[in-house]
């Protein structure tokens, strides 16, 4: 994905066990398919999670799938 703009999205929902579930997705334009591709980057289950912890989890999940140094 070098040189390809992307977005990293978190989708929040509450599970039946009253925990927050965050599903992370990466979206980017695929030259191969000539369309936007959405890739599931993982899920995170938390009870109470302040924003500063979400930022930490964001970087953990993103680093598993993309090299953020390429875009800084």
PDB file of N, CA and C in Angstrom:
ATOM      1  N   UNK A   1       0.822  -1.199   0.000  1.00  0.00           N
ATOM      2  CA  UNK A   1       0.000   0.000   0.000  1.00  0.00           C
ATOM      3  C   UNK A   1       0.862   1.257   0.000  1.00  0.00           C
ATOM      4  N   UNK A   2       2.116   1.148  -0.291  1.00  0.00           N
ATOM      5  CA  UNK A   2       3.006   2.298  -0.261  1.00  0.00           C
ATOM      6  C   UNK A   2       2.521   3.391  -1.203  1.00  0.00           C
ATOM      7  N   UNK A   3       2.409   4.608  -0.665  1.00  0.00           N
ATOM      8  CA  UNK A   3       1.985   5.740  -1.464  1.00  0.00           C
ATOM      9  C   UNK A   3       0.492   5.827  -1.716  1.00  0.00           C
ATOM     10  N   UNK A   4      -0.300   4.956  -1.115  1.00  0.00           N
ATOM     11  CA  UNK A   4      -1.746   4.938  -1.331  1.00  0.00           C
ATOM     12  C   UNK A   4      -2.439   5.588  -0.127  1.00  0.00           C
ATOM     13  N   UNK A   5      -3.243   6.640  -0.348  1.00  0.00           N
ATOM     14  CA  UNK A   5      -3.996   7.240   0.764  1.00  0.00           C
ATOM     15  C   UNK A   5      -4.978   6.214   1.353  1.00  0.00           C
ATOM     16  N   UNK A   6      -5.213   6.301   2.658  1.00  0.00           N
ATOM     17  CA  UNK A   6      -6.116   5.358   3.314  1.00  0.00           C
ATOM     18  C   UNK A   6      -6.849   6.054   4.447  1.00  0.00           C
ATOM     19  N   UNK A   7      -7.918   5.424   4.908  1.00  0.00           N
ATOM     20  CA  UNK A   7      -8.595   5.849   6.130  1.00  0.00           C
ATOM     21  C   UNK A   7      -8.624   4.662   7.074  1.00  0.00           C
ATOM     22  N   UNK A   8      -8.580   4.949   8.364  1.00  0.00           N
ATOM     23  CA  UNK A   8      -8.669   3.922   9.397  1.00  0.00           C
ATOM     24  C   UNK A   8      -9.898   4.262  10.215  1.00  0.00           C
ATOM     25  N   UNK A   9     -10.880   3.359  10.250  1.00  0.00           N
ATOM     26  CA  UNK A   9     -12.165   3.659  10.883  1.00  0.00           C
ATOM     27  C   UNK A   9     -12.435   2.713  12.042  1.00  0.00           C
ATOM     28  N   UNK A  10     -13.079   3.237  13.071  1.00  0.00           N
ATOM     29  CA  UNK A  10     -13.542   2.423  14.193  1.00  0.00           C
ATOM     30  C   UNK A  10     -15.062   2.464  14.228  1.00  0.00           C
ATOM     31  N   UNK A  11     -15.667   1.298  14.332  1.00  0.00           N
ATOM     32  CA  UNK A  11     -17.113   1.179  14.438  1.00  0.00           C
ATOM     33  C   UNK A  11     -17.423   0.656  15.837  1.00  0.00           C
ATOM     34  N   UNK A  12     -18.185   1.406  16.618  1.00  0.00           N
ATOM     35  CA  UNK A  12     -18.479   1.041  18.000  1.00  0.00           C
ATOM     36  C   UNK A  12     -19.872   0.449  18.126  1.00  0.00           C
ATOM     37  N   UNK A  13     -19.979  -0.607  18.934  1.00  0.00           N
ATOM     38  CA  UNK A  13     -21.280  -1.191  19.254  1.00  0.00           C
ATOM     39  C   UNK A  13     -21.216  -1.730  20.681  1.00  0.00           C
ATOM     40  N   UNK A  14     -22.358  -1.960  21.285  1.00  0.00           N
ATOM     41  CA  UNK A  14     -22.419  -2.548  22.622  1.00  0.00           C
ATOM     42  C   UNK A  14     -22.907  -3.986  22.487  1.00  0.00           C
ATOM     43  N   UNK A  15     -22.145  -4.915  23.063  1.00  0.00           N
ATOM     44  CA  UNK A  15     -22.500  -6.332  22.967  1.00  0.00           C
ATOM     45  C   UNK A  15     -23.577  -6.680  23.988  1.00  0.00           C
ATOM     46  N   UNK A  16     -24.102  -7.903  23.910  1.00  0.00           N
ATOM     47  CA  UNK A  16     -25.134  -8.347  24.854  1.00  0.00           C
ATOM     48  C   UNK A  16     -24.566  -8.482  26.269  1.00  0.00           C
ATOM     49  N   UNK A  17     -23.232  -8.557  26.395  1.00  0.00           N
ATOM     50  CA  UNK A  17     -22.597  -8.618  27.714  1.00  0.00           C
ATOM     51  C   UNK A  17     -22.304  -7.212  28.250  1.00  0.00           C
ATOM     52  N   UNK A  18     -22.851  -6.189  27.604  1.00  0.00           N
ATOM     53  CA  UNK A  18     -22.715  -4.781  27.955  1.00  0.00           C
ATOM     54  C   UNK A  18     -21.242  -4.361  27.944  1.00  0.00           C
ATOM     55  N   UNK A  19     -20.511  -4.856  26.956  1.00  0.00           N
ATOM     56  CA  UNK A  19     -19.144  -4.410  26.716  1.00  0.00           C
ATOM     57  C   UNK A  19     -19.130  -3.653  25.401  1.00  0.00           C
ATOM     58  N   UNK A  20     -18.209  -2.731  25.292  1.00  0.00           N
ATOM     59  CA  UNK A  20     -18.040  -2.011  24.035  1.00  0.00           C
ATOM     60  C   UNK A  20     -17.192  -2.856  23.096  1.00  0.00           C
ATOM     61  N   UNK A  21     -17.633  -2.939  21.863  1.00  0.00           N
ATOM     62  CA  UNK A  21     -16.859  -3.631  20.839  1.00  0.00           C
ATOM     63  C   UNK A  21     -16.510  -2.613  19.766  1.00  0.00           C
ATOM     64  N   UNK A  22     -15.221  -2.520  19.459  1.00  0.00           N
ATOM     65  CA  UNK A  22     -14.749  -1.632  18.407  1.00  0.00           C
ATOM     66  C   UNK A  22     -14.200  -2.488  17.280  1.00  0.00           C
ATOM     67  N   UNK A  23     -14.785  -2.350  16.103  1.00  0.00           N
ATOM     68  CA  UNK A  23     -14.280  -3.032  14.918  1.00  0.00           C
ATOM     69  C   UNK A  23     -13.501  -2.007  14.106  1.00  0.00           C
ATOM     70  N   UNK A  24     -12.285  -2.366  13.731  1.00  0.00           N
ATOM     71  CA  UNK A  24     -11.416  -1.447  13.000  1.00  0.00           C
ATOM     72  C   UNK A  24     -11.343  -1.864  11.535  1.00  0.00           C
ATOM     73  N   UNK A  25     -11.414  -0.862  10.653  1.00  0.00           N
ATOM     74  CA  UNK A  25     -11.366  -1.110   9.213  1.00  0.00           C
ATOM     75  C   UNK A  25     -10.384  -0.151   8.546  1.00  0.00           C
ATOM     76  N   UNK A  26      -9.714  -0.630   7.531  1.00  0.00           N
ATOM     77  CA  UNK A  26      -8.865   0.205   6.695  1.00  0.00           C
ATOM     78  C   UNK A  26      -9.530   0.263   5.328  1.00  0.00           C
ATOM     79  N   UNK A  27      -9.692   1.469   4.789  1.00  0.00           N
ATOM     80  CA  UNK A  27     -10.266   1.654   3.453  1.00  0.00           C
ATOM     81  C   UNK A  27      -9.225   2.349   2.588  1.00  0.00           C
ATOM     82  N   UNK A  28      -9.065   1.875   1.359  1.00  0.00           N
ATOM     83  CA  UNK A  28      -8.117   2.496   0.433  1.00  0.00           C
ATOM     84  C   UNK A  28      -8.549   2.230  -0.996  1.00  0.00           C
ATOM     85  N   UNK A  29      -8.018   3.041  -1.922  1.00  0.00           N
ATOM     86  CA  UNK A  29      -8.313   2.871  -3.333  1.00  0.00           C
ATOM     87  C   UNK A  29      -7.389   1.812  -3.902  1.00  0.00           C
ATOM     88  N   UNK A  30      -7.965   0.758  -4.477  1.00  0.00           N
ATOM     89  CA  UNK A  30      -7.184  -0.319  -5.081  1.00  0.00           C
ATOM     90  C   UNK A  30      -7.037  -0.067  -6.574  1.00  0.00           C
ATOM     91  N   UNK A  31      -5.801   0.079  -7.010  1.00  0.00           N
ATOM     92  CA  UNK A  31      -5.554   0.209  -8.445  1.00  0.00           C
ATOM     93  C   UNK A  31      -5.854  -1.114  -9.159  1.00  0.00           C
ATOM     94  N   UNK A  32      -5.623  -2.214  -8.456  1.00  0.00           N
ATOM     95  CA  UNK A  32      -5.861  -3.538  -9.039  1.00  0.00           C
ATOM     96  C   UNK A  32      -7.336  -3.752  -9.358  1.00  0.00           C
ATOM     97  N   UNK A  33      -8.223  -3.377  -8.413  1.00  0.00           N
ATOM     98  CA  UNK A  33      -9.660  -3.601  -8.596  1.00  0.00           C
ATOM     99  C   UNK A  33     -10.399  -2.357  -9.087  1.00  0.00           C
ATOM    100  N   UNK A  34      -9.709  -1.205  -9.108  1.00  0.00           N
ATOM    101  CA  UNK A  34     -10.288   0.055  -9.547  1.00  0.00           C
ATOM    102  C   UNK A  34     -11.528   0.424  -8.722  1.00  0.00           C
ATOM    103  N   UNK A  35     -11.418   0.235  -7.402  1.00  0.00           N
ATOM    104  CA  UNK A  35     -12.501   0.576  -6.477  1.00  0.00           C
ATOM    105  C   UNK A  35     -11.939   0.687  -5.066  1.00  0.00           C
ATOM    106  N   UNK A  36     -12.752   1.225  -4.159  1.00  0.00           N
ATOM    107  CA  UNK A  36     -12.361   1.311  -2.755  1.00  0.00           C
ATOM    108  C   UNK A  36     -12.466  -0.073  -2.127  1.00  0.00           C
ATOM    109  N   UNK A  37     -11.431  -0.464  -1.411  1.00  0.00           N
ATOM    110  CA  UNK A  37     -11.386  -1.758  -0.732  1.00  0.00           C
ATOM    111  C   UNK A  37     -11.441  -1.511   0.768  1.00  0.00           C
ATOM    112  N   UNK A  38     -12.260  -2.272   1.485  1.00  0.00           N
ATOM    113  CA  UNK A  38     -12.364  -2.208   2.940  1.00  0.00           C
ATOM    114  C   UNK A  38     -11.813  -3.498   3.520  1.00  0.00           C
ATOM    115  N   UNK A  39     -10.876  -3.359   4.460  1.00  0.00           N
ATOM    116  CA  UNK A  39     -10.244  -4.510   5.089  1.00  0.00           C
ATOM    117  C   UNK A  39     -10.503  -4.436   6.589  1.00  0.00           C
ATOM    118  N   UNK A  40     -10.959  -5.539   7.183  1.00  0.00           N
ATOM    119  CA  UNK A  40     -11.151  -5.585   8.631  1.00  0.00           C
ATOM    120  C   UNK A  40      -9.778  -5.729   9.282  1.00  0.00           C
ATOM    121  N   UNK A  41      -9.435  -4.788  10.185  1.00  0.00           N
ATOM    122  CA  UNK A  41      -8.130  -4.798  10.839  1.00  0.00           C
ATOM    123  C   UNK A  41      -8.184  -5.480  12.201  1.00  0.00           C
ATOM    124  N   UNK A  42      -9.375  -5.777  12.708  1.00  0.00           N
ATOM    125  CA  UNK A  42      -9.488  -6.462  13.990  1.00  0.00           C
ATOM    126  C   UNK A  42     -10.608  -5.906  14.839  1.00  0.00           C
ATOM    127  N   UNK A  43     -10.792  -6.521  16.002  1.00  0.00           N
ATOM    128  CA  UNK A  43     -11.821  -6.106  16.954  1.00  0.00           C
ATOM    129  C   UNK A  43     -11.200  -5.933  18.326  1.00  0.00           C
ATOM    130  N   UNK A  44     -11.802  -5.051  19.100  1.00  0.00           N
ATOM    131  CA  UNK A  44     -11.344  -4.772  20.448  1.00  0.00           C
ATOM    132  C   UNK A  44     -12.566  -4.769  21.360  1.00  0.00           C
ATOM    133  N   UNK A  45     -12.492  -5.509  22.468  1.00  0.00           N
ATOM    134  CA  UNK A  45     -13.579  -5.556  23.439  1.00  0.00           C
ATOM    135  C   UNK A  45     -13.117  -4.877  24.719  1.00  0.00           C
ATOM    136  N   UNK A  46     -13.871  -3.880  25.173  1.00  0.00           N
ATOM    137  CA  UNK A  46     -13.515  -3.148  26.387  1.00  0.00           C
ATOM    138  C   UNK A  46     -14.757  -2.895  27.219  1.00  0.00           C
ATOM    139  N   UNK A  47     -14.557  -2.649  28.502  1.00  0.00           N
ATOM    140  CA  UNK A  47     -15.655  -2.231  29.358  1.00  0.00           C
ATOM    141  C   UNK A  47     -15.807  -0.735  29.202  1.00  0.00           C
ATOM    142  N   UNK A  48     -15.056   0.011  30.013  1.00  0.00           N
ATOM    143  CA  UNK A  48     -15.025   1.476  29.906  1.00  0.00           C
ATOM    144  C   UNK A  48     -13.672   1.844  29.319  1.00  0.00           C
ATOM    145  N   UNK A  49     -13.669   2.662  28.293  1.00  0.00           N
ATOM    146  CA  UNK A  49     -12.419   2.987  27.610  1.00  0.00           C
ATOM    147  C   UNK A  49     -12.402   4.469  27.253  1.00  0.00           C
ATOM    148  N   UNK A  50     -11.596   5.264  27.988  1.00  0.00           N
ATOM    149  CA  UNK A  50     -11.514   6.683  27.644  1.00  0.00           C
ATOM    150  C   UNK A  50     -10.800   6.889  26.309  1.00  0.00           C
ATOM    151  N   UNK A  51     -10.964   8.058  25.747  1.00  0.00           N
ATOM    152  CA  UNK A  51     -10.426   8.364  24.413  1.00  0.00           C
ATOM    153  C   UNK A  51      -8.927   8.134  24.331  1.00  0.00           C
ATOM    154  N   UNK A  52      -8.161   8.487  25.368  1.00  0.00           N
ATOM    155  CA  UNK A  52      -6.705   8.322  25.292  1.00  0.00           C
ATOM    156  C   UNK A  52      -6.310   6.851  25.144  1.00  0.00           C
ATOM    157  N   UNK A  53      -7.099   5.942  25.713  1.00  0.00           N
ATOM    158  CA  UNK A  53      -6.818   4.512  25.549  1.00  0.00           C
ATOM    159  C   UNK A  53      -7.208   4.046  24.147  1.00  0.00           C
ATOM    160  N   UNK A  54      -8.295   4.604  23.588  1.00  0.00           N
ATOM    161  CA  UNK A  54      -8.677   4.255  22.224  1.00  0.00           C
ATOM    162  C   UNK A  54      -7.587   4.642  21.228  1.00  0.00           C
ATOM    163  N   UNK A  55      -6.953   5.787  21.455  1.00  0.00           N
ATOM    164  CA  UNK A  55      -5.864   6.207  20.573  1.00  0.00           C
ATOM    165  C   UNK A  55      -4.738   5.181  20.630  1.00  0.00           C
ATOM    166  N   UNK A  56      -4.410   4.718  21.835  1.00  0.00           N
ATOM    167  CA  UNK A  56      -3.375   3.694  22.002  1.00  0.00           C
ATOM    168  C   UNK A  56      -3.749   2.413  21.245  1.00  0.00           C
ATOM    169  N   UNK A  57      -4.991   1.964  21.381  1.00  0.00           N
ATOM    170  CA  UNK A  57      -5.451   0.753  20.690  1.00  0.00           C
ATOM    171  C   UNK A  57      -5.473   0.957  19.178  1.00  0.00           C
ATOM    172  N   UNK A  58      -5.831   2.180  18.739  1.00  0.00           N
ATOM    173  CA  UNK A  58      -5.810   2.497  17.319  1.00  0.00           C
ATOM    174  C   UNK A  58      -4.421   2.241  16.744  1.00  0.00           C
ATOM    175  N   UNK A  59      -3.399   2.771  17.401  1.00  0.00           N
ATOM    176  CA  UNK A  59      -2.036   2.592  16.896  1.00  0.00           C
ATOM    177  C   UNK A  59      -1.602   1.132  16.924  1.00  0.00           C
ATOM    178  N   UNK A  60      -2.001   0.398  17.957  1.00  0.00           N
ATOM    179  CA  UNK A  60      -1.660  -1.029  18.017  1.00  0.00           C
ATOM    180  C   UNK A  60      -2.251  -1.785  16.831  1.00  0.00           C
ATOM    181  N   UNK A  61      -3.541  -1.574  16.555  1.00  0.00           N
ATOM    182  CA  UNK A  61      -4.187  -2.280  15.450  1.00  0.00           C
ATOM    183  C   UNK A  61      -3.643  -1.829  14.097  1.00  0.00           C
ATOM    184  N   UNK A  62      -3.426  -0.535  13.964  1.00  0.00           N
ATOM    185  CA  UNK A  62      -2.926  -0.014  12.692  1.00  0.00           C
ATOM    186  C   UNK A  62      -1.538  -0.554  12.387  1.00  0.00           C
ATOM    187  N   UNK A  63      -0.679  -0.640  13.381  1.00  0.00           N
ATOM    188  CA  UNK A  63       0.677  -1.125  13.160  1.00  0.00           C
ATOM    189  C   UNK A  63       0.706  -2.595  12.756  1.00  0.00           C
ATOM    190  N   UNK A  64      -0.314  -3.343  13.086  1.00  0.00           N
ATOM    191  CA  UNK A  64      -0.392  -4.740  12.673  1.00  0.00           C
ATOM    192  C   UNK A  64      -0.667  -4.864  11.182  1.00  0.00           C
ATOM    193  N   UNK A  65      -1.250  -3.821  10.573  1.00  0.00           N
ATOM    194  CA  UNK A  65      -1.698  -3.917   9.183  1.00  0.00           C
ATOM    195  C   UNK A  65      -1.033  -2.934   8.225  1.00  0.00           C
ATOM    196  N   UNK A  66      -0.540  -1.822   8.764  1.00  0.00           N
ATOM    197  CA  UNK A  66       0.087  -0.828   7.889  1.00  0.00           C
ATOM    198  C   UNK A  66       1.320  -0.266   8.575  1.00  0.00           C
ATOM    199  N   UNK A  67       2.226   0.273   7.779  1.00  0.00           N
ATOM    200  CA  UNK A  67       3.408   0.933   8.301  1.00  0.00           C
ATOM    201  C   UNK A  67       3.118   2.427   8.346  1.00  0.00           C
ATOM    202  N   UNK A  68       2.793   2.951   9.533  1.00  0.00           N
ATOM    203  CA  UNK A  68       2.414   4.352   9.665  1.00  0.00           C
ATOM    204  C   UNK A  68       3.578   5.282   9.351  1.00  0.00           C
ATOM    205  N   UNK A  69       4.822   4.806   9.461  1.00  0.00           N
ATOM    206  CA  UNK A  69       5.976   5.645   9.156  1.00  0.00           C
ATOM    207  C   UNK A  69       5.986   6.074   7.690  1.00  0.00           C
ATOM    208  N   UNK A  70       5.388   5.286   6.798  1.00  0.00           N
ATOM    209  CA  UNK A  70       5.346   5.630   5.389  1.00  0.00           C
ATOM    210  C   UNK A  70       4.502   6.876   5.132  1.00  0.00           C
ATOM    211  N   UNK A  71       3.584   7.208   6.060  1.00  0.00           N
ATOM    212  CA  UNK A  71       2.634   8.285   5.828  1.00  0.00           C
ATOM    213  C   UNK A  71       2.891   9.498   6.694  1.00  0.00           C
ATOM    214  N   UNK A  72       3.973   9.496   7.479  1.00  0.00           N
ATOM    215  CA  UNK A  72       4.238  10.637   8.359  1.00  0.00           C
ATOM    216  C   UNK A  72       5.180  11.626   7.727  1.00  0.00           C
TER     217      UNK A  72
END
